[in-house]
């Protein structure tokens, strides 16, 4: 007992010299060692050249826990790191990843694809929503109280550079969606991660978006995007031109008449349009953004009519 008391007092003396950042780093290292059996040499890959004052490195941790098969089996790891661009972005030339040969049968791949997203979700939730619930996570300015979260190229590059992980935008959003699932829902092609849920839509989503569940009960964001994409796909310029009052147009997608959220919802819809329909939108500043979008459609239609007249 005397020896144990002496060792505890020595340890207390040591940690009292640490600041909050050093304490978080030591706590996280101890956690990875104790619960996942990460060796000292491998721990360096997660902690080296990382600033813990920003919070726990979520993405780098997931990358190496998967690589060392601490949260995935051999077959799941093989598929996770396979060149399918679902989780890992192999086009990021400045980043390197040790590939594992995927020698699985087509049926085995189908089976793993069906369960892998759920398993990743459960592991991420366990570590960062249960074990480290009260600790600061590095979510790169993506705040849980935000009504709208979109991982754009700038944010993705920030994460890739800070944590040296070549994850795709889709998977980064998937991680954030897991962390914020109680407050946000994910808008996009669910079949990207869950092939068994895939439906044959005529529209292919370019991104995923996290939107407040509070707004989910007020406005049908999915139907808004699919309806607008249908008008564009079928080249219904006349219908598009009619949408001169954007807020009036949006009212048809409200579940209730709670239009006091109109400004916030309209701003989110503008952001989605900018990302999903980049060939049509002509962005300018301030309140003219949507007006400029439909003015572009009007201009395209006039060019089309002039061409027919000349012909």
C-alpha atoms as a PDB file:
ATOM      1  CA  UNK A   1       0.000   0.000   0.000  1.00  0.00           C
ATOM      2  CA  UNK A   2       2.869   2.360   0.794  1.00  0.00           C
ATOM      3  CA  UNK A   3       4.445   1.627  -2.601  1.00  0.00           C
ATOM      4  CA  UNK A   4       1.102   2.176  -4.364  1.00  0.00           C
ATOM      5  CA  UNK A   5       0.498   5.446  -2.500  1.00  0.00           C
ATOM      6  CA  UNK A   6       4.018   6.593  -3.387  1.00  0.00           C
ATOM      7  CA  UNK A   7       3.491   5.834  -7.099  1.00  0.00           C
ATOM      8  CA  UNK A   8       0.115   7.599  -7.146  1.00  0.00           C
ATOM      9  CA  UNK A   9       1.580  10.689  -5.510  1.00  0.00           C
ATOM     10  CA  UNK A  10       4.431  10.711  -8.019  1.00  0.00           C
ATOM     11  CA  UNK A  11       1.946  10.490 -10.874  1.00  0.00           C
ATOM     12  CA  UNK A  12      -0.121  13.326  -9.383  1.00  0.00           C
ATOM     13  CA  UNK A  13       3.024  15.447  -9.160  1.00  0.00           C
ATOM     14  CA  UNK A  14       3.767  14.763 -12.819  1.00  0.00           C
ATOM     15  CA  UNK A  15       0.321  15.569 -14.206  1.00  0.00           C
ATOM     16  CA  UNK A  16      -0.016  18.751 -12.167  1.00  0.00           C
ATOM     17  CA  UNK A  17       2.817  20.114 -14.304  1.00  0.00           C
ATOM     18  CA  UNK A  18       0.770  19.543 -17.488  1.00  0.00           C
ATOM     19  CA  UNK A  19      -1.486  22.161 -19.035  1.00  0.00           C
ATOM     20  CA  UNK A  20      -4.935  21.256 -20.384  1.00  0.00           C
ATOM     21  CA  UNK A  21      -3.588  20.384 -23.836  1.00  0.00           C
ATOM     22  CA  UNK A  22      -0.947  18.023 -22.467  1.00  0.00           C
ATOM     23  CA  UNK A  23      -3.481  16.402 -20.140  1.00  0.00           C
ATOM     24  CA  UNK A  24      -5.857  15.753 -23.047  1.00  0.00           C
ATOM     25  CA  UNK A  25      -3.027  14.236 -25.063  1.00  0.00           C
ATOM     26  CA  UNK A  26      -1.936  11.957 -22.200  1.00  0.00           C
ATOM     27  CA  UNK A  27      -5.511  10.951 -21.454  1.00  0.00           C
ATOM     28  CA  UNK A  28      -6.141  10.040 -25.086  1.00  0.00           C
ATOM     29  CA  UNK A  29      -2.899   8.073 -25.400  1.00  0.00           C
ATOM     30  CA  UNK A  30      -3.750   6.119 -22.248  1.00  0.00           C
ATOM     31  CA  UNK A  31      -7.221   5.397 -23.616  1.00  0.00           C
ATOM     32  CA  UNK A  32      -5.888   4.085 -26.951  1.00  0.00           C
ATOM     33  CA  UNK A  33      -3.346   1.908 -25.175  1.00  0.00           C
ATOM     34  CA  UNK A  34      -5.734   0.463 -22.627  1.00  0.00           C
ATOM     35  CA  UNK A  35      -8.849  -0.146 -24.725  1.00  0.00           C
ATOM     36  CA  UNK A  36      -7.397  -0.725 -28.207  1.00  0.00           C
ATOM     37  CA  UNK A  37      -3.917  -2.051 -27.445  1.00  0.00           C
ATOM     38  CA  UNK A  38      -2.154   0.511 -29.634  1.00  0.00           C
ATOM     39  CA  UNK A  39       1.629   0.112 -29.394  1.00  0.00           C
ATOM     40  CA  UNK A  40       3.878   3.071 -28.622  1.00  0.00           C
ATOM     41  CA  UNK A  41       5.318   3.127 -32.152  1.00  0.00           C
ATOM     42  CA  UNK A  42       1.850   3.174 -33.692  1.00  0.00           C
ATOM     43  CA  UNK A  43       0.650   5.846 -31.270  1.00  0.00           C
ATOM     44  CA  UNK A  44       3.233   8.187 -32.783  1.00  0.00           C
ATOM     45  CA  UNK A  45       1.374   8.004 -36.101  1.00  0.00           C
ATOM     46  CA  UNK A  46      -1.726   9.412 -34.409  1.00  0.00           C
ATOM     47  CA  UNK A  47      -0.156  11.947 -32.055  1.00  0.00           C
ATOM     48  CA  UNK A  48       2.977  13.112 -33.899  1.00  0.00           C
ATOM     49  CA  UNK A  49       2.862  16.670 -35.249  1.00  0.00           C
ATOM     50  CA  UNK A  50      -0.712  17.220 -34.096  1.00  0.00           C
ATOM     51  CA  UNK A  51      -1.917  20.153 -31.997  1.00  0.00           C
ATOM     52  CA  UNK A  52      -4.138  18.794 -29.214  1.00  0.00           C
ATOM     53  CA  UNK A  53      -5.173  22.329 -28.285  1.00  0.00           C
ATOM     54  CA  UNK A  54      -7.604  21.946 -31.195  1.00  0.00           C
ATOM     55  CA  UNK A  55      -9.172  18.876 -29.607  1.00  0.00           C
ATOM     56  CA  UNK A  56      -8.928  15.124 -30.206  1.00  0.00           C
ATOM     57  CA  UNK A  57      -7.924  14.148 -33.788  1.00  0.00           C
ATOM     58  CA  UNK A  58     -11.087  12.288 -34.790  1.00  0.00           C
ATOM     59  CA  UNK A  59     -10.267  11.571 -38.420  1.00  0.00           C
ATOM     60  CA  UNK A  60      -6.657  10.527 -37.938  1.00  0.00           C
ATOM     61  CA  UNK A  61      -7.746   8.203 -35.123  1.00  0.00           C
ATOM     62  CA  UNK A  62     -10.427   6.525 -37.253  1.00  0.00           C
ATOM     63  CA  UNK A  63      -7.933   6.096 -40.088  1.00  0.00           C
ATOM     64  CA  UNK A  64      -5.317   4.312 -37.973  1.00  0.00           C
ATOM     65  CA  UNK A  65      -7.755   2.325 -35.830  1.00  0.00           C
ATOM     66  CA  UNK A  66      -9.122   0.941 -39.108  1.00  0.00           C
ATOM     67  CA  UNK A  67      -5.643   0.423 -40.546  1.00  0.00           C
ATOM     68  CA  UNK A  68      -4.487  -1.527 -37.470  1.00  0.00           C
ATOM     69  CA  UNK A  69      -7.718  -3.589 -37.492  1.00  0.00           C
ATOM     70  CA  UNK A  70      -8.717  -2.363 -34.044  1.00  0.00           C
ATOM     71  CA  UNK A  71     -12.269  -1.477 -35.097  1.00  0.00           C
ATOM     72  CA  UNK A  72     -12.519  -3.508 -38.334  1.00  0.00           C
ATOM     73  CA  UNK A  73     -11.839  -7.108 -39.249  1.00  0.00           C
ATOM     74  CA  UNK A  74      -9.270  -8.064 -41.893  1.00  0.00           C
ATOM     75  CA  UNK A  75     -11.931  -8.296 -44.620  1.00  0.00           C
ATOM     76  CA  UNK A  76     -13.615  -5.040 -43.578  1.00  0.00           C
ATOM     77  CA  UNK A  77     -10.269  -3.250 -43.491  1.00  0.00           C
ATOM     78  CA  UNK A  78      -9.469  -4.605 -46.947  1.00  0.00           C
ATOM     79  CA  UNK A  79     -12.670  -3.129 -48.354  1.00  0.00           C
ATOM     80  CA  UNK A  80     -12.367   0.126 -46.395  1.00  0.00           C
ATOM     81  CA  UNK A  81      -8.941   0.804 -47.924  1.00  0.00           C
ATOM     82  CA  UNK A  82      -9.821  -0.519 -51.363  1.00  0.00           C
ATOM     83  CA  UNK A  83      -9.828   1.933 -54.255  1.00  0.00           C
ATOM     84  CA  UNK A  84     -13.570   2.577 -54.497  1.00  0.00           C
ATOM     85  CA  UNK A  85     -13.488   6.265 -53.429  1.00  0.00           C
ATOM     86  CA  UNK A  86     -16.287   5.707 -50.918  1.00  0.00           C
ATOM     87  CA  UNK A  87     -14.122   6.280 -47.859  1.00  0.00           C
ATOM     88  CA  UNK A  88     -10.590   7.032 -49.097  1.00  0.00           C
ATOM     89  CA  UNK A  89      -9.769   9.691 -51.700  1.00  0.00           C
ATOM     90  CA  UNK A  90      -7.004   8.155 -53.785  1.00  0.00           C
ATOM     91  CA  UNK A  91      -6.896  11.204 -56.039  1.00  0.00           C
ATOM     92  CA  UNK A  92      -5.215  13.199 -53.260  1.00  0.00           C
ATOM     93  CA  UNK A  93      -1.685  12.882 -54.638  1.00  0.00           C
ATOM     94  CA  UNK A  94      -0.073  14.698 -51.718  1.00  0.00           C
ATOM     95  CA  UNK A  95      -1.376  12.062 -49.323  1.00  0.00           C
ATOM     96  CA  UNK A  96      -0.206   8.490 -49.154  1.00  0.00           C
ATOM     97  CA  UNK A  97      -2.008   5.421 -47.875  1.00  0.00           C
ATOM     98  CA  UNK A  98      -0.873   1.847 -47.533  1.00  0.00           C
ATOM     99  CA  UNK A  99      -3.301  -0.047 -49.760  1.00  0.00           C
ATOM    100  CA  UNK A 100      -4.452  -3.522 -48.939  1.00  0.00           C
ATOM    101  CA  UNK A 101      -5.239  -5.848 -51.794  1.00  0.00           C
ATOM    102  CA  UNK A 102      -8.943  -6.598 -52.008  1.00  0.00           C
ATOM    103  CA  UNK A 103      -9.178 -10.279 -52.932  1.00  0.00           C
ATOM    104  CA  UNK A 104     -12.720 -10.798 -51.676  1.00  0.00           C
ATOM    105  CA  UNK A 105     -15.456 -12.451 -53.665  1.00  0.00           C
ATOM    106  CA  UNK A 106     -18.233 -10.318 -55.101  1.00  0.00           C
ATOM    107  CA  UNK A 107     -20.754 -11.815 -52.677  1.00  0.00           C
ATOM    108  CA  UNK A 108     -18.469 -11.167 -49.684  1.00  0.00           C
ATOM    109  CA  UNK A 109     -17.985  -7.564 -50.820  1.00  0.00           C
ATOM    110  CA  UNK A 110     -21.760  -7.184 -51.039  1.00  0.00           C
ATOM    111  CA  UNK A 111     -22.165  -8.544 -47.512  1.00  0.00           C
ATOM    112  CA  UNK A 112     -19.480  -6.250 -46.061  1.00  0.00           C
ATOM    113  CA  UNK A 113     -20.826  -3.208 -47.925  1.00  0.00           C
ATOM    114  CA  UNK A 114     -24.153  -3.859 -46.260  1.00  0.00           C
ATOM    115  CA  UNK A 115     -22.822  -3.789 -42.676  1.00  0.00           C
ATOM    116  CA  UNK A 116     -19.634  -1.679 -42.870  1.00  0.00           C
ATOM    117  CA  UNK A 117     -21.286   1.784 -42.616  1.00  0.00           C
ATOM    118  CA  UNK A 118     -23.287   0.702 -39.568  1.00  0.00           C
ATOM    119  CA  UNK A 119     -20.195  -0.760 -37.933  1.00  0.00           C
ATOM    120  CA  UNK A 120     -18.211   2.432 -38.565  1.00  0.00           C
ATOM    121  CA  UNK A 121     -21.115   4.475 -37.201  1.00  0.00           C
ATOM    122  CA  UNK A 122     -21.272   2.385 -34.021  1.00  0.00           C
ATOM    123  CA  UNK A 123     -17.519   2.580 -33.416  1.00  0.00           C
ATOM    124  CA  UNK A 124     -17.373   6.338 -33.982  1.00  0.00           C
ATOM    125  CA  UNK A 125     -20.365   6.805 -31.693  1.00  0.00           C
ATOM    126  CA  UNK A 126     -18.867   4.643 -28.950  1.00  0.00           C
ATOM    127  CA  UNK A 127     -15.513   6.427 -28.865  1.00  0.00           C
ATOM    128  CA  UNK A 128     -16.544  10.047 -29.367  1.00  0.00           C
ATOM    129  CA  UNK A 129     -20.123  10.146 -28.102  1.00  0.00           C
ATOM    130  CA  UNK A 130     -19.759   7.807 -25.116  1.00  0.00           C
ATOM    131  CA  UNK A 131     -16.142   7.323 -24.001  1.00  0.00           C
ATOM    132  CA  UNK A 132     -15.107  10.930 -24.759  1.00  0.00           C
ATOM    133  CA  UNK A 133     -18.466  12.634 -24.446  1.00  0.00           C
ATOM    134  CA  UNK A 134     -17.214  15.402 -22.178  1.00  0.00           C
ATOM    135  CA  UNK A 135     -13.971  16.102 -24.029  1.00  0.00           C
ATOM    136  CA  UNK A 136     -13.182  18.546 -26.821  1.00  0.00           C
ATOM    137  CA  UNK A 137     -13.231  17.044 -30.320  1.00  0.00           C
ATOM    138  CA  UNK A 138     -11.646  18.643 -33.351  1.00  0.00           C
ATOM    139  CA  UNK A 139     -14.652  19.253 -35.601  1.00  0.00           C
ATOM    140  CA  UNK A 140     -13.029  22.108 -37.568  1.00  0.00           C
ATOM    141  CA  UNK A 141     -15.516  24.900 -36.806  1.00  0.00           C
ATOM    142  CA  UNK A 142     -18.491  22.618 -37.540  1.00  0.00           C
ATOM    143  CA  UNK A 143     -20.633  23.457 -34.518  1.00  0.00           C
ATOM    144  CA  UNK A 144     -23.506  21.357 -33.298  1.00  0.00           C
ATOM    145  CA  UNK A 145     -25.741  24.404 -32.899  1.00  0.00           C
ATOM    146  CA  UNK A 146     -25.381  25.303 -36.615  1.00  0.00           C
ATOM    147  CA  UNK A 147     -28.501  24.843 -38.734  1.00  0.00           C
ATOM    148  CA  UNK A 148     -26.464  23.858 -41.792  1.00  0.00           C
ATOM    149  CA  UNK A 149     -23.120  22.071 -42.168  1.00  0.00           C
ATOM    150  CA  UNK A 150     -21.505  21.467 -45.542  1.00  0.00           C
ATOM    151  CA  UNK A 151     -18.056  19.940 -46.050  1.00  0.00           C
ATOM    152  CA  UNK A 152     -16.726  21.901 -49.006  1.00  0.00           C
ATOM    153  CA  UNK A 153     -13.307  21.567 -50.659  1.00  0.00           C
ATOM    154  CA  UNK A 154     -11.740  24.183 -48.384  1.00  0.00           C
ATOM    155  CA  UNK A 155     -12.851  22.413 -45.207  1.00  0.00           C
ATOM    156  CA  UNK A 156     -11.831  19.020 -46.606  1.00  0.00           C
ATOM    157  CA  UNK A 157      -8.333  20.285 -47.429  1.00  0.00           C
ATOM    158  CA  UNK A 158      -8.022  21.719 -43.915  1.00  0.00           C
ATOM    159  CA  UNK A 159      -8.837  18.318 -42.402  1.00  0.00           C
ATOM    160  CA  UNK A 160      -6.609  16.406 -44.806  1.00  0.00           C
ATOM    161  CA  UNK A 161      -3.672  18.708 -44.131  1.00  0.00           C
ATOM    162  CA  UNK A 162      -4.100  18.880 -40.341  1.00  0.00           C
ATOM    163  CA  UNK A 163      -4.616  15.163 -39.764  1.00  0.00           C
ATOM    164  CA  UNK A 164      -2.867  13.696 -42.837  1.00  0.00           C
ATOM    165  CA  UNK A 165      -5.852  11.560 -43.813  1.00  0.00           C
ATOM    166  CA  UNK A 166      -7.139  11.119 -47.391  1.00  0.00           C
ATOM    167  CA  UNK A 167     -10.809  10.734 -46.509  1.00  0.00           C
ATOM    168  CA  UNK A 168     -13.492  11.714 -49.021  1.00  0.00           C
ATOM    169  CA  UNK A 169     -15.920  14.574 -48.433  1.00  0.00           C
ATOM    170  CA  UNK A 170     -18.695  12.021 -48.166  1.00  0.00           C
ATOM    171  CA  UNK A 171     -17.014  10.090 -45.369  1.00  0.00           C
ATOM    172  CA  UNK A 172     -16.021  13.236 -43.467  1.00  0.00           C
ATOM    173  CA  UNK A 173     -19.687  14.258 -43.566  1.00  0.00           C
ATOM    174  CA  UNK A 174     -20.668  10.745 -42.469  1.00  0.00           C
ATOM    175  CA  UNK A 175     -18.402  11.088 -39.402  1.00  0.00           C
ATOM    176  CA  UNK A 176     -19.877  14.488 -38.517  1.00  0.00           C
ATOM    177  CA  UNK A 177     -23.387  13.108 -39.054  1.00  0.00           C
ATOM    178  CA  UNK A 178     -22.635  10.360 -36.531  1.00  0.00           C
ATOM    179  CA  UNK A 179     -21.352  12.882 -33.984  1.00  0.00           C
ATOM    180  CA  UNK A 180     -24.376  15.151 -34.476  1.00  0.00           C
ATOM    181  CA  UNK A 181     -27.093  12.588 -35.206  1.00  0.00           C
ATOM    182  CA  UNK A 182     -29.232  13.810 -32.310  1.00  0.00           C
ATOM    183  CA  UNK A 183     -29.402  17.336 -33.748  1.00  0.00           C
ATOM    184  CA  UNK A 184     -28.864  16.930 -37.529  1.00  0.00           C
ATOM    185  CA  UNK A 185     -30.032  14.724 -40.376  1.00  0.00           C
ATOM    186  CA  UNK A 186     -27.944  13.951 -43.469  1.00  0.00           C
ATOM    187  CA  UNK A 187     -29.304  15.004 -46.856  1.00  0.00           C
ATOM    188  CA  UNK A 188     -27.926  13.268 -49.957  1.00  0.00           C
ATOM    189  CA  UNK A 189     -27.700   9.891 -51.643  1.00  0.00           C
ATOM    190  CA  UNK A 190     -27.988   7.393 -48.782  1.00  0.00           C
ATOM    191  CA  UNK A 191     -27.105   4.628 -51.235  1.00  0.00           C
ATOM    192  CA  UNK A 192     -23.561   5.990 -51.412  1.00  0.00           C
ATOM    193  CA  UNK A 193     -22.850   4.235 -48.102  1.00  0.00           C
ATOM    194  CA  UNK A 194     -25.735   1.788 -47.975  1.00  0.00           C
ATOM    195  CA  UNK A 195     -25.944   0.147 -51.432  1.00  0.00           C
ATOM    196  CA  UNK A 196     -28.894  -2.010 -50.343  1.00  0.00           C
ATOM    197  CA  UNK A 197     -30.928   1.190 -49.904  1.00  0.00           C
ATOM    198  CA  UNK A 198     -30.052   2.530 -53.340  1.00  0.00           C
ATOM    199  CA  UNK A 199     -32.969   3.613 -55.499  1.00  0.00           C
ATOM    200  CA  UNK A 200     -32.841   4.541 -59.154  1.00  0.00           C
ATOM    201  CA  UNK A 201     -33.240   8.285 -58.932  1.00  0.00           C
ATOM    202  CA  UNK A 202     -32.743  10.364 -62.062  1.00  0.00           C
ATOM    203  CA  UNK A 203     -30.684  12.791 -60.015  1.00  0.00           C
ATOM    204  CA  UNK A 204     -27.170  12.095 -58.730  1.00  0.00           C
ATOM    205  CA  UNK A 205     -26.266  14.067 -55.618  1.00  0.00           C
ATOM    206  CA  UNK A 206     -22.867  15.761 -55.674  1.00  0.00           C
ATOM    207  CA  UNK A 207     -22.581  16.253 -51.906  1.00  0.00           C
ATOM    208  CA  UNK A 208     -24.045  15.463 -48.515  1.00  0.00           C
ATOM    209  CA  UNK A 209     -25.431  18.130 -46.187  1.00  0.00           C
ATOM    210  CA  UNK A 210     -26.181  18.177 -42.474  1.00  0.00           C
ATOM    211  CA  UNK A 211     -29.335  20.107 -41.629  1.00  0.00           C
ATOM    212  CA  UNK A 212     -30.923  20.798 -38.252  1.00  0.00           C
ATOM    213  CA  UNK A 213     -33.635  18.330 -37.284  1.00  0.00           C
ATOM    214  CA  UNK A 214     -35.666  21.322 -36.175  1.00  0.00           C
ATOM    215  CA  UNK A 215     -35.913  22.426 -39.829  1.00  0.00           C
ATOM    216  CA  UNK A 216     -36.494  18.863 -41.044  1.00  0.00           C
ATOM    217  CA  UNK A 217     -39.954  18.991 -39.467  1.00  0.00           C
ATOM    218  CA  UNK A 218     -40.764  22.236 -41.258  1.00  0.00           C
ATOM    219  CA  UNK A 219     -39.403  21.906 -44.808  1.00  0.00           C
ATOM    220  CA  UNK A 220     -38.906  19.028 -47.282  1.00  0.00           C
ATOM    221  CA  UNK A 221     -35.358  19.697 -48.478  1.00  0.00           C
ATOM    222  CA  UNK A 222     -35.081  16.444 -50.449  1.00  0.00           C
ATOM    223  CA  UNK A 223     -38.248  17.087 -52.428  1.00  0.00           C
ATOM    224  CA  UNK A 224     -37.085  20.640 -53.157  1.00  0.00           C
ATOM    225  CA  UNK A 225     -33.820  19.412 -54.711  1.00  0.00           C
ATOM    226  CA  UNK A 226     -35.441  16.557 -56.646  1.00  0.00           C
ATOM    227  CA  UNK A 227     -38.188  18.818 -58.016  1.00  0.00           C
ATOM    228  CA  UNK A 228     -35.736  21.488 -59.155  1.00  0.00           C
ATOM    229  CA  UNK A 229     -33.438  18.890 -60.703  1.00  0.00           C
ATOM    230  CA  UNK A 230     -36.385  17.425 -62.606  1.00  0.00           C
ATOM    231  CA  UNK A 231     -37.247  20.801 -64.120  1.00  0.00           C
ATOM    232  CA  UNK A 232     -33.637  21.260 -65.193  1.00  0.00           C
ATOM    233  CA  UNK A 233     -33.251  17.693 -66.490  1.00  0.00           C
ATOM    234  CA  UNK A 234     -36.406  17.976 -68.581  1.00  0.00           C
ATOM    235  CA  UNK A 235     -35.362  21.437 -69.800  1.00  0.00           C
ATOM    236  CA  UNK A 236     -38.566  23.039 -68.644  1.00  0.00           C
ATOM    237  CA  UNK A 237     -37.316  26.587 -69.046  1.00  0.00           C
ATOM    238  CA  UNK A 238     -40.832  28.001 -68.919  1.00  0.00           C
ATOM    239  CA  UNK A 239     -41.411  26.494 -65.477  1.00  0.00           C
ATOM    240  CA  UNK A 240     -38.025  27.680 -64.218  1.00  0.00           C
ATOM    241  CA  UNK A 241     -38.591  31.205 -65.465  1.00  0.00           C
ATOM    242  CA  UNK A 242     -41.847  31.392 -63.503  1.00  0.00           C
ATOM    243  CA  UNK A 243     -39.887  31.060 -60.268  1.00  0.00           C
ATOM    244  CA  UNK A 244     -39.149  34.760 -59.937  1.00  0.00           C
ATOM    245  CA  UNK A 245     -40.174  34.993 -56.288  1.00  0.00           C
ATOM    246  CA  UNK A 246     -37.979  32.338 -54.698  1.00  0.00           C
ATOM    247  CA  UNK A 247     -39.598  32.443 -51.280  1.00  0.00           C
ATOM    248  CA  UNK A 248     -43.067  31.983 -52.736  1.00  0.00           C
ATOM    249  CA  UNK A 249     -41.739  29.011 -54.697  1.00  0.00           C
ATOM    250  CA  UNK A 250     -40.328  27.463 -51.517  1.00  0.00           C
ATOM    251  CA  UNK A 251     -43.681  27.556 -49.723  1.00  0.00           C
ATOM    252  CA  UNK A 252     -44.896  24.461 -51.589  1.00  0.00           C
ATOM    253  CA  UNK A 253     -42.223  22.393 -49.806  1.00  0.00           C
ATOM    254  CA  UNK A 254     -43.209  23.467 -46.279  1.00  0.00           C
ATOM    255  CA  UNK A 255     -44.899  20.834 -44.118  1.00  0.00           C
ATOM    256  CA  UNK A 256     -46.573  23.581 -42.089  1.00  0.00           C
ATOM    257  CA  UNK A 257     -47.185  27.288 -42.457  1.00  0.00           C
ATOM    258  CA  UNK A 258     -44.331  28.147 -40.107  1.00  0.00           C
ATOM    259  CA  UNK A 259     -42.869  30.655 -42.534  1.00  0.00           C
ATOM    260  CA  UNK A 260     -40.983  32.502 -39.788  1.00  0.00           C
ATOM    261  CA  UNK A 261     -38.061  30.170 -40.661  1.00  0.00           C
ATOM    262  CA  UNK A 262     -38.203  31.201 -44.330  1.00  0.00           C
ATOM    263  CA  UNK A 263     -35.027  33.302 -44.373  1.00  0.00           C
ATOM    264  CA  UNK A 264     -32.911  30.553 -42.826  1.00  0.00           C
ATOM    265  CA  UNK A 265     -34.379  27.846 -45.066  1.00  0.00           C
ATOM    266  CA  UNK A 266     -33.962  29.999 -48.182  1.00  0.00           C
ATOM    267  CA  UNK A 267     -30.288  30.571 -47.327  1.00  0.00           C
ATOM    268  CA  UNK A 268     -29.733  26.805 -46.960  1.00  0.00           C
ATOM    269  CA  UNK A 269     -31.510  26.146 -50.269  1.00  0.00           C
ATOM    270  CA  UNK A 270     -29.289  28.728 -51.968  1.00  0.00           C
ATOM    271  CA  UNK A 271     -26.198  26.943 -50.671  1.00  0.00           C
ATOM    272  CA  UNK A 272     -27.485  23.589 -51.914  1.00  0.00           C
ATOM    273  CA  UNK A 273     -28.299  25.031 -55.353  1.00  0.00           C
ATOM    274  CA  UNK A 274     -24.806  26.467 -55.579  1.00  0.00           C
ATOM    275  CA  UNK A 275     -23.272  23.038 -54.974  1.00  0.00           C
ATOM    276  CA  UNK A 276     -25.715  20.762 -56.803  1.00  0.00           C
ATOM    277  CA  UNK A 277     -26.302  22.891 -59.914  1.00  0.00           C
ATOM    278  CA  UNK A 278     -22.992  24.741 -60.500  1.00  0.00           C
ATOM    279  CA  UNK A 279     -23.448  24.941 -64.290  1.00  0.00           C
ATOM    280  CA  UNK A 280     -26.596  27.020 -63.979  1.00  0.00           C
ATOM    281  CA  UNK A 281     -25.968  29.312 -61.063  1.00  0.00           C
ATOM    282  CA  UNK A 282     -24.358  32.732 -61.458  1.00  0.00           C
ATOM    283  CA  UNK A 283     -23.559  33.817 -57.946  1.00  0.00           C
ATOM    284  CA  UNK A 284     -23.323  37.441 -56.889  1.00  0.00           C
ATOM    285  CA  UNK A 285     -23.349  38.920 -53.422  1.00  0.00           C
ATOM    286  CA  UNK A 286     -26.197  39.805 -51.125  1.00  0.00           C
ATOM    287  CA  UNK A 287     -29.896  39.304 -51.825  1.00  0.00           C
ATOM    288  CA  UNK A 288     -29.509  38.974 -55.584  1.00  0.00           C
ATOM    289  CA  UNK A 289     -28.089  35.467 -55.489  1.00  0.00           C
ATOM    290  CA  UNK A 290     -31.240  33.528 -56.358  1.00  0.00           C
ATOM    291  CA  UNK A 291     -32.481  36.270 -58.664  1.00  0.00           C
ATOM    292  CA  UNK A 292     -29.176  36.015 -60.500  1.00  0.00           C
ATOM    293  CA  UNK A 293     -29.604  32.241 -60.744  1.00  0.00           C
ATOM    294  CA  UNK A 294     -32.946  32.516 -62.487  1.00  0.00           C
ATOM    295  CA  UNK A 295     -31.772  35.454 -64.578  1.00  0.00           C
ATOM    296  CA  UNK A 296     -29.141  33.111 -65.950  1.00  0.00           C
ATOM    297  CA  UNK A 297     -31.868  30.627 -66.905  1.00  0.00           C
ATOM    298  CA  UNK A 298     -33.800  33.439 -68.608  1.00  0.00           C
ATOM    299  CA  UNK A 299     -30.681  34.421 -70.544  1.00  0.00           C
ATOM    300  CA  UNK A 300     -30.095  30.814 -71.611  1.00  0.00           C
ATOM    301  CA  UNK A 301     -33.702  30.581 -72.771  1.00  0.00           C
ATOM    302  CA  UNK A 302     -33.419  33.798 -74.802  1.00  0.00           C
ATOM    303  CA  UNK A 303     -30.253  32.541 -76.473  1.00  0.00           C
ATOM    304  CA  UNK A 304     -32.074  29.318 -77.300  1.00  0.00           C
ATOM    305  CA  UNK A 305     -35.032  31.232 -78.830  1.00  0.00           C
ATOM    306  CA  UNK A 306     -32.728  33.541 -80.814  1.00  0.00           C
ATOM    307  CA  UNK A 307     -30.892  30.544 -82.205  1.00  0.00           C
ATOM    308  CA  UNK A 308     -34.172  28.966 -83.334  1.00  0.00           C
ATOM    309  CA  UNK A 309     -35.224  32.269 -84.979  1.00  0.00           C
ATOM    310  CA  UNK A 310     -31.896  32.555 -86.864  1.00  0.00           C
ATOM    311  CA  UNK A 311     -32.118  28.944 -87.976  1.00  0.00           C
END
